């Protein structure tokens, strides 16, 4: 069955359909997704977790995020960069996370690539943020999977040694980090709708 575009919750708030039913998704939708994020640790975490999400549902990652944070030292890039092959083998046996060798190794490599940058990671990522849209998307069909900005971000990160940072993954990062606001029109989190209401 097709998913609902918008759903009104038992609290009376209207939400994007994907974030309205599961309690963990609802919290994530209301408190994180689409909120501008500039903290370097949380942005590094998002780069890595969006990579882990490739081919999976985001709720699968979200439910495992506490374990990911534990095994990857809170996503402290210096500590992750120091992880070894023995750590990779250990994590491949940890059922609390996604046991994918390539993605685990990519997280360690991404930490090393982050430390090698000549600019802070947050500054680099935010250079690709597009100009705000003039209107909120009306439906899921209006939300792209890839944009020129996410493609450029992907290309730049790859040239700097990052892995699992394809254009689609990077657009998901842009959504999660609030570089774009893809809350649908009518959702209580849609920033443009809120601004328009305040101005009227």
C-alpha atoms as a PDB file:
ATOM      1  CA  UNK A   1       0.000   0.000   0.000  1.00  0.00           C
ATOM      2  CA  UNK A   2       1.254   3.539  -0.680  1.00  0.00           C
ATOM      3  CA  UNK A   3       2.436   5.410   2.387  1.00  0.00           C
ATOM      4  CA  UNK A   4       0.483   8.396   3.612  1.00  0.00           C
ATOM      5  CA  UNK A   5       2.029  11.757   2.796  1.00  0.00           C
ATOM      6  CA  UNK A   6       1.050  13.338   6.121  1.00  0.00           C
ATOM      7  CA  UNK A   7      -0.319  11.806   9.325  1.00  0.00           C
ATOM      8  CA  UNK A   8      -1.847  13.558  12.318  1.00  0.00           C
ATOM      9  CA  UNK A   9      -0.572  12.046  15.548  1.00  0.00           C
ATOM     10  CA  UNK A  10      -2.408  11.437  18.777  1.00  0.00           C
ATOM     11  CA  UNK A  11      -0.768  14.641  20.037  1.00  0.00           C
ATOM     12  CA  UNK A  12      -2.547  16.635  17.332  1.00  0.00           C
ATOM     13  CA  UNK A  13       0.637  17.379  15.361  1.00  0.00           C
ATOM     14  CA  UNK A  14       0.822  16.669  11.646  1.00  0.00           C
ATOM     15  CA  UNK A  15       3.978  14.887  10.510  1.00  0.00           C
ATOM     16  CA  UNK A  16       5.551  13.503   7.371  1.00  0.00           C
ATOM     17  CA  UNK A  17       4.080  10.028   6.989  1.00  0.00           C
ATOM     18  CA  UNK A  18       7.393   8.218   7.419  1.00  0.00           C
ATOM     19  CA  UNK A  19       7.962   9.783  10.827  1.00  0.00           C
ATOM     20  CA  UNK A  20       4.500   9.494  12.320  1.00  0.00           C
ATOM     21  CA  UNK A  21       4.019   5.928  13.511  1.00  0.00           C
ATOM     22  CA  UNK A  22       7.126   4.248  14.940  1.00  0.00           C
ATOM     23  CA  UNK A  23       8.052   5.974  18.257  1.00  0.00           C
ATOM     24  CA  UNK A  24      11.780   6.084  17.442  1.00  0.00           C
ATOM     25  CA  UNK A  25      11.128   7.488  13.980  1.00  0.00           C
ATOM     26  CA  UNK A  26       8.729  10.044  15.468  1.00  0.00           C
ATOM     27  CA  UNK A  27      11.341  11.294  17.918  1.00  0.00           C
ATOM     28  CA  UNK A  28      13.960  11.438  15.167  1.00  0.00           C
ATOM     29  CA  UNK A  29      11.576  13.271  12.820  1.00  0.00           C
ATOM     30  CA  UNK A  30      10.575  15.811  15.465  1.00  0.00           C
ATOM     31  CA  UNK A  31      13.974  16.461  17.057  1.00  0.00           C
ATOM     32  CA  UNK A  32      16.697  15.776  14.508  1.00  0.00           C
ATOM     33  CA  UNK A  33      15.854  15.277  10.838  1.00  0.00           C
ATOM     34  CA  UNK A  34      16.057  18.551   8.973  1.00  0.00           C
ATOM     35  CA  UNK A  35      17.515  20.459  11.938  1.00  0.00           C
ATOM     36  CA  UNK A  36      20.719  22.310  10.957  1.00  0.00           C
ATOM     37  CA  UNK A  37      23.639  20.431  12.481  1.00  0.00           C
ATOM     38  CA  UNK A  38      27.117  21.960  12.745  1.00  0.00           C
ATOM     39  CA  UNK A  39      28.666  19.887  15.511  1.00  0.00           C
ATOM     40  CA  UNK A  40      31.736  18.171  13.980  1.00  0.00           C
ATOM     41  CA  UNK A  41      31.313  14.944  15.943  1.00  0.00           C
ATOM     42  CA  UNK A  42      27.643  14.572  15.071  1.00  0.00           C
ATOM     43  CA  UNK A  43      28.351  15.369  11.407  1.00  0.00           C
ATOM     44  CA  UNK A  44      31.102  12.761  11.279  1.00  0.00           C
ATOM     45  CA  UNK A  45      28.668  10.321  12.862  1.00  0.00           C
ATOM     46  CA  UNK A  46      26.074  11.135  10.198  1.00  0.00           C
ATOM     47  CA  UNK A  47      28.574  10.577   7.381  1.00  0.00           C
ATOM     48  CA  UNK A  48      29.390   7.151   8.801  1.00  0.00           C
ATOM     49  CA  UNK A  49      25.862   6.062   9.692  1.00  0.00           C
ATOM     50  CA  UNK A  50      24.442   7.159   6.353  1.00  0.00           C
ATOM     51  CA  UNK A  51      27.085   4.910   4.821  1.00  0.00           C
ATOM     52  CA  UNK A  52      25.975   2.021   7.015  1.00  0.00           C
ATOM     53  CA  UNK A  53      22.389   2.705   5.949  1.00  0.00           C
ATOM     54  CA  UNK A  54      23.121   2.108   2.251  1.00  0.00           C
ATOM     55  CA  UNK A  55      20.820  -0.718   1.152  1.00  0.00           C
ATOM     56  CA  UNK A  56      18.949  -0.765   4.465  1.00  0.00           C
ATOM     57  CA  UNK A  57      16.126   1.176   6.108  1.00  0.00           C
ATOM     58  CA  UNK A  58      17.094   4.102   8.310  1.00  0.00           C
ATOM     59  CA  UNK A  59      15.120   2.692  11.241  1.00  0.00           C
ATOM     60  CA  UNK A  60      17.490  -0.294  11.212  1.00  0.00           C
ATOM     61  CA  UNK A  61      20.396   2.096  11.796  1.00  0.00           C
ATOM     62  CA  UNK A  62      18.531   4.317  14.220  1.00  0.00           C
ATOM     63  CA  UNK A  63      17.715   1.440  16.540  1.00  0.00           C
ATOM     64  CA  UNK A  64      21.360   0.412  16.549  1.00  0.00           C
ATOM     65  CA  UNK A  65      22.780   3.909  16.956  1.00  0.00           C
ATOM     66  CA  UNK A  66      23.545   3.550  20.685  1.00  0.00           C
ATOM     67  CA  UNK A  67      25.620   0.458  19.926  1.00  0.00           C
ATOM     68  CA  UNK A  68      27.342   2.189  16.989  1.00  0.00           C
ATOM     69  CA  UNK A  69      28.241   5.075  19.284  1.00  0.00           C
ATOM     70  CA  UNK A  70      29.640   2.665  21.854  1.00  0.00           C
ATOM     71  CA  UNK A  71      31.819   0.610  19.514  1.00  0.00           C
ATOM     72  CA  UNK A  72      33.065   3.635  17.557  1.00  0.00           C
ATOM     73  CA  UNK A  73      34.050   5.635  20.650  1.00  0.00           C
ATOM     74  CA  UNK A  74      31.258   8.183  20.363  1.00  0.00           C
ATOM     75  CA  UNK A  75      32.452   8.888  16.813  1.00  0.00           C
ATOM     76  CA  UNK A  76      35.523  10.694  18.073  1.00  0.00           C
ATOM     77  CA  UNK A  77      37.467  10.806  14.801  1.00  0.00           C
ATOM     78  CA  UNK A  78      40.889  10.514  16.441  1.00  0.00           C
ATOM     79  CA  UNK A  79      39.919   7.396  18.380  1.00  0.00           C
ATOM     80  CA  UNK A  80      38.180   5.825  15.397  1.00  0.00           C
ATOM     81  CA  UNK A  81      41.183   6.542  13.168  1.00  0.00           C
ATOM     82  CA  UNK A  82      43.369   4.602  15.610  1.00  0.00           C
ATOM     83  CA  UNK A  83      41.271   1.427  15.335  1.00  0.00           C
ATOM     84  CA  UNK A  84      43.033  -1.621  13.933  1.00  0.00           C
ATOM     85  CA  UNK A  85      42.291  -4.777  11.967  1.00  0.00           C
ATOM     86  CA  UNK A  86      41.779  -6.516  15.302  1.00  0.00           C
ATOM     87  CA  UNK A  87      39.009  -4.013  16.046  1.00  0.00           C
ATOM     88  CA  UNK A  88      37.429  -4.736  12.664  1.00  0.00           C
ATOM     89  CA  UNK A  89      37.415  -8.462  13.382  1.00  0.00           C
ATOM     90  CA  UNK A  90      35.914  -7.833  16.817  1.00  0.00           C
ATOM     91  CA  UNK A  91      33.129  -5.671  15.383  1.00  0.00           C
ATOM     92  CA  UNK A  92      32.328  -8.280  12.745  1.00  0.00           C
ATOM     93  CA  UNK A  93      31.247 -10.459  15.645  1.00  0.00           C
ATOM     94  CA  UNK A  94      29.106  -7.799  17.333  1.00  0.00           C
ATOM     95  CA  UNK A  95      25.456  -8.519  16.515  1.00  0.00           C
ATOM     96  CA  UNK A  96      24.350  -5.138  17.890  1.00  0.00           C
ATOM     97  CA  UNK A  97      25.623  -3.303  14.800  1.00  0.00           C
ATOM     98  CA  UNK A  98      25.616  -3.917  11.050  1.00  0.00           C
ATOM     99  CA  UNK A  99      28.335  -6.520  10.524  1.00  0.00           C
ATOM    100  CA  UNK A 100      29.574  -5.421   7.115  1.00  0.00           C
ATOM    101  CA  UNK A 101      33.352  -5.434   6.726  1.00  0.00           C
ATOM    102  CA  UNK A 102      33.401  -2.785   4.015  1.00  0.00           C
ATOM    103  CA  UNK A 103      31.287  -0.357   6.020  1.00  0.00           C
ATOM    104  CA  UNK A 104      33.244  -0.916   9.226  1.00  0.00           C
ATOM    105  CA  UNK A 105      36.522  -0.352   7.400  1.00  0.00           C
ATOM    106  CA  UNK A 106      35.040   2.693   5.662  1.00  0.00           C
ATOM    107  CA  UNK A 107      34.187   4.245   9.030  1.00  0.00           C
ATOM    108  CA  UNK A 108      37.812   3.913  10.139  1.00  0.00           C
ATOM    109  CA  UNK A 109      39.049   5.245   6.802  1.00  0.00           C
ATOM    110  CA  UNK A 110      36.594   8.147   6.972  1.00  0.00           C
ATOM    111  CA  UNK A 111      37.968   9.078  10.375  1.00  0.00           C
ATOM    112  CA  UNK A 112      41.485   9.142   8.955  1.00  0.00           C
ATOM    113  CA  UNK A 113      40.279  11.174   5.973  1.00  0.00           C
ATOM    114  CA  UNK A 114      38.571  13.611   8.350  1.00  0.00           C
ATOM    115  CA  UNK A 115      41.794  14.150  10.285  1.00  0.00           C
ATOM    116  CA  UNK A 116      43.684  14.720   7.022  1.00  0.00           C
ATOM    117  CA  UNK A 117      41.371  17.528   5.861  1.00  0.00           C
ATOM    118  CA  UNK A 118      42.830  21.018   5.546  1.00  0.00           C
ATOM    119  CA  UNK A 119      39.500  22.495   6.675  1.00  0.00           C
ATOM    120  CA  UNK A 120      37.106  21.376   9.428  1.00  0.00           C
ATOM    121  CA  UNK A 121      34.721  18.669   8.235  1.00  0.00           C
ATOM    122  CA  UNK A 122      31.675  20.770   9.129  1.00  0.00           C
ATOM    123  CA  UNK A 123      32.934  23.690   7.017  1.00  0.00           C
ATOM    124  CA  UNK A 124      33.599  21.426   4.054  1.00  0.00           C
ATOM    125  CA  UNK A 125      30.187  19.743   4.200  1.00  0.00           C
ATOM    126  CA  UNK A 126      28.229  22.961   4.586  1.00  0.00           C
ATOM    127  CA  UNK A 127      29.845  24.510   1.499  1.00  0.00           C
ATOM    128  CA  UNK A 128      27.550  22.199  -0.480  1.00  0.00           C
ATOM    129  CA  UNK A 129      24.313  23.308   1.175  1.00  0.00           C
ATOM    130  CA  UNK A 130      21.996  24.648  -1.545  1.00  0.00           C
ATOM    131  CA  UNK A 131      19.986  27.842  -1.325  1.00  0.00           C
ATOM    132  CA  UNK A 132      16.741  27.264   0.613  1.00  0.00           C
ATOM    133  CA  UNK A 133      13.731  26.321  -1.457  1.00  0.00           C
ATOM    134  CA  UNK A 134      10.999  28.902  -1.753  1.00  0.00           C
ATOM    135  CA  UNK A 135       8.336  26.344  -0.834  1.00  0.00           C
ATOM    136  CA  UNK A 136       8.152  23.072   1.042  1.00  0.00           C
ATOM    137  CA  UNK A 137       7.752  19.916  -1.057  1.00  0.00           C
ATOM    138  CA  UNK A 138       4.086  19.002  -1.428  1.00  0.00           C
ATOM    139  CA  UNK A 139       4.604  15.241  -1.654  1.00  0.00           C
ATOM    140  CA  UNK A 140       7.253  12.551  -1.469  1.00  0.00           C
ATOM    141  CA  UNK A 141       7.415  12.691  -5.268  1.00  0.00           C
ATOM    142  CA  UNK A 142       8.775  16.244  -4.965  1.00  0.00           C
ATOM    143  CA  UNK A 143      11.752  15.106  -2.854  1.00  0.00           C
ATOM    144  CA  UNK A 144      14.797  14.178  -4.941  1.00  0.00           C
ATOM    145  CA  UNK A 145      17.130  11.274  -4.243  1.00  0.00           C
ATOM    146  CA  UNK A 146      20.159  13.017  -5.766  1.00  0.00           C
ATOM    147  CA  UNK A 147      20.952  16.659  -6.492  1.00  0.00           C
ATOM    148  CA  UNK A 148      23.852  18.472  -8.160  1.00  0.00           C
ATOM    149  CA  UNK A 149      24.998  19.533  -4.681  1.00  0.00           C
ATOM    150  CA  UNK A 150      24.976  16.002  -3.276  1.00  0.00           C
ATOM    151  CA  UNK A 151      26.828  14.779  -6.364  1.00  0.00           C
ATOM    152  CA  UNK A 152      29.471  17.474  -5.901  1.00  0.00           C
ATOM    153  CA  UNK A 153      29.770  16.658  -2.192  1.00  0.00           C
ATOM    154  CA  UNK A 154      30.201  12.976  -3.010  1.00  0.00           C
ATOM    155  CA  UNK A 155      32.894  13.678  -5.593  1.00  0.00           C
ATOM    156  CA  UNK A 156      34.823  15.959  -3.258  1.00  0.00           C
ATOM    157  CA  UNK A 157      34.711  13.545  -0.334  1.00  0.00           C
ATOM    158  CA  UNK A 158      35.808  10.649  -2.516  1.00  0.00           C
ATOM    159  CA  UNK A 159      38.805  12.593  -3.784  1.00  0.00           C
ATOM    160  CA  UNK A 160      39.726  13.215  -0.152  1.00  0.00           C
ATOM    161  CA  UNK A 161      39.661   9.548   0.753  1.00  0.00           C
ATOM    162  CA  UNK A 162      36.127   9.041   2.087  1.00  0.00           C
ATOM    163  CA  UNK A 163      34.207   5.851   1.305  1.00  0.00           C
ATOM    164  CA  UNK A 164      30.503   4.937   1.142  1.00  0.00           C
ATOM    165  CA  UNK A 165      29.691   8.549   0.287  1.00  0.00           C
ATOM    166  CA  UNK A 166      27.753   8.201  -2.960  1.00  0.00           C
ATOM    167  CA  UNK A 167      25.465  10.999  -4.210  1.00  0.00           C
ATOM    168  CA  UNK A 168      22.277   9.395  -2.845  1.00  0.00           C
ATOM    169  CA  UNK A 169      23.899   8.763   0.530  1.00  0.00           C
ATOM    170  CA  UNK A 170      25.122  12.345   0.634  1.00  0.00           C
ATOM    171  CA  UNK A 171      21.674  13.704  -0.143  1.00  0.00           C
ATOM    172  CA  UNK A 172      20.353  11.692   2.795  1.00  0.00           C
ATOM    173  CA  UNK A 173      23.105  13.314   4.874  1.00  0.00           C
ATOM    174  CA  UNK A 174      22.024  16.759   3.681  1.00  0.00           C
ATOM    175  CA  UNK A 175      18.458  16.001   4.757  1.00  0.00           C
ATOM    176  CA  UNK A 176      19.521  14.620   8.129  1.00  0.00           C
ATOM    177  CA  UNK A 177      21.863  17.526   8.850  1.00  0.00           C
ATOM    178  CA  UNK A 178      19.373  20.206   7.862  1.00  0.00           C
ATOM    179  CA  UNK A 179      21.286  21.400   4.816  1.00  0.00           C
ATOM    180  CA  UNK A 180      17.960  20.938   3.047  1.00  0.00           C
ATOM    181  CA  UNK A 181      14.507  20.910   4.610  1.00  0.00           C
ATOM    182  CA  UNK A 182      12.417  18.162   3.079  1.00  0.00           C
ATOM    183  CA  UNK A 183       9.607  18.144   5.631  1.00  0.00           C
ATOM    184  CA  UNK A 184       6.445  18.183   3.551  1.00  0.00           C
ATOM    185  CA  UNK A 185       4.150  21.194   3.403  1.00  0.00           C
ATOM    186  CA  UNK A 186       1.693  20.832   6.275  1.00  0.00           C
ATOM    187  CA  UNK A 187       4.165  19.023   8.537  1.00  0.00           C
ATOM    188  CA  UNK A 188       4.674  20.883  11.809  1.00  0.00           C
ATOM    189  CA  UNK A 189       8.441  20.759  11.230  1.00  0.00           C
ATOM    190  CA  UNK A 190       8.408  22.406   7.792  1.00  0.00           C
ATOM    191  CA  UNK A 191      10.535  25.510   8.394  1.00  0.00           C
ATOM    192  CA  UNK A 192       9.269  27.523   5.427  1.00  0.00           C
ATOM    193  CA  UNK A 193       5.642  26.914   6.357  1.00  0.00           C
ATOM    194  CA  UNK A 194       6.346  28.001   9.924  1.00  0.00           C
ATOM    195  CA  UNK A 195       8.135  31.136   8.733  1.00  0.00           C
ATOM    196  CA  UNK A 196       5.291  32.006   6.386  1.00  0.00           C
ATOM    197  CA  UNK A 197       2.740  31.556   9.140  1.00  0.00           C
ATOM    198  CA  UNK A 198       4.741  33.766  11.481  1.00  0.00           C
ATOM    199  CA  UNK A 199       4.983  36.488   8.845  1.00  0.00           C
ATOM    200  CA  UNK A 200       1.278  36.498   8.000  1.00  0.00           C
END
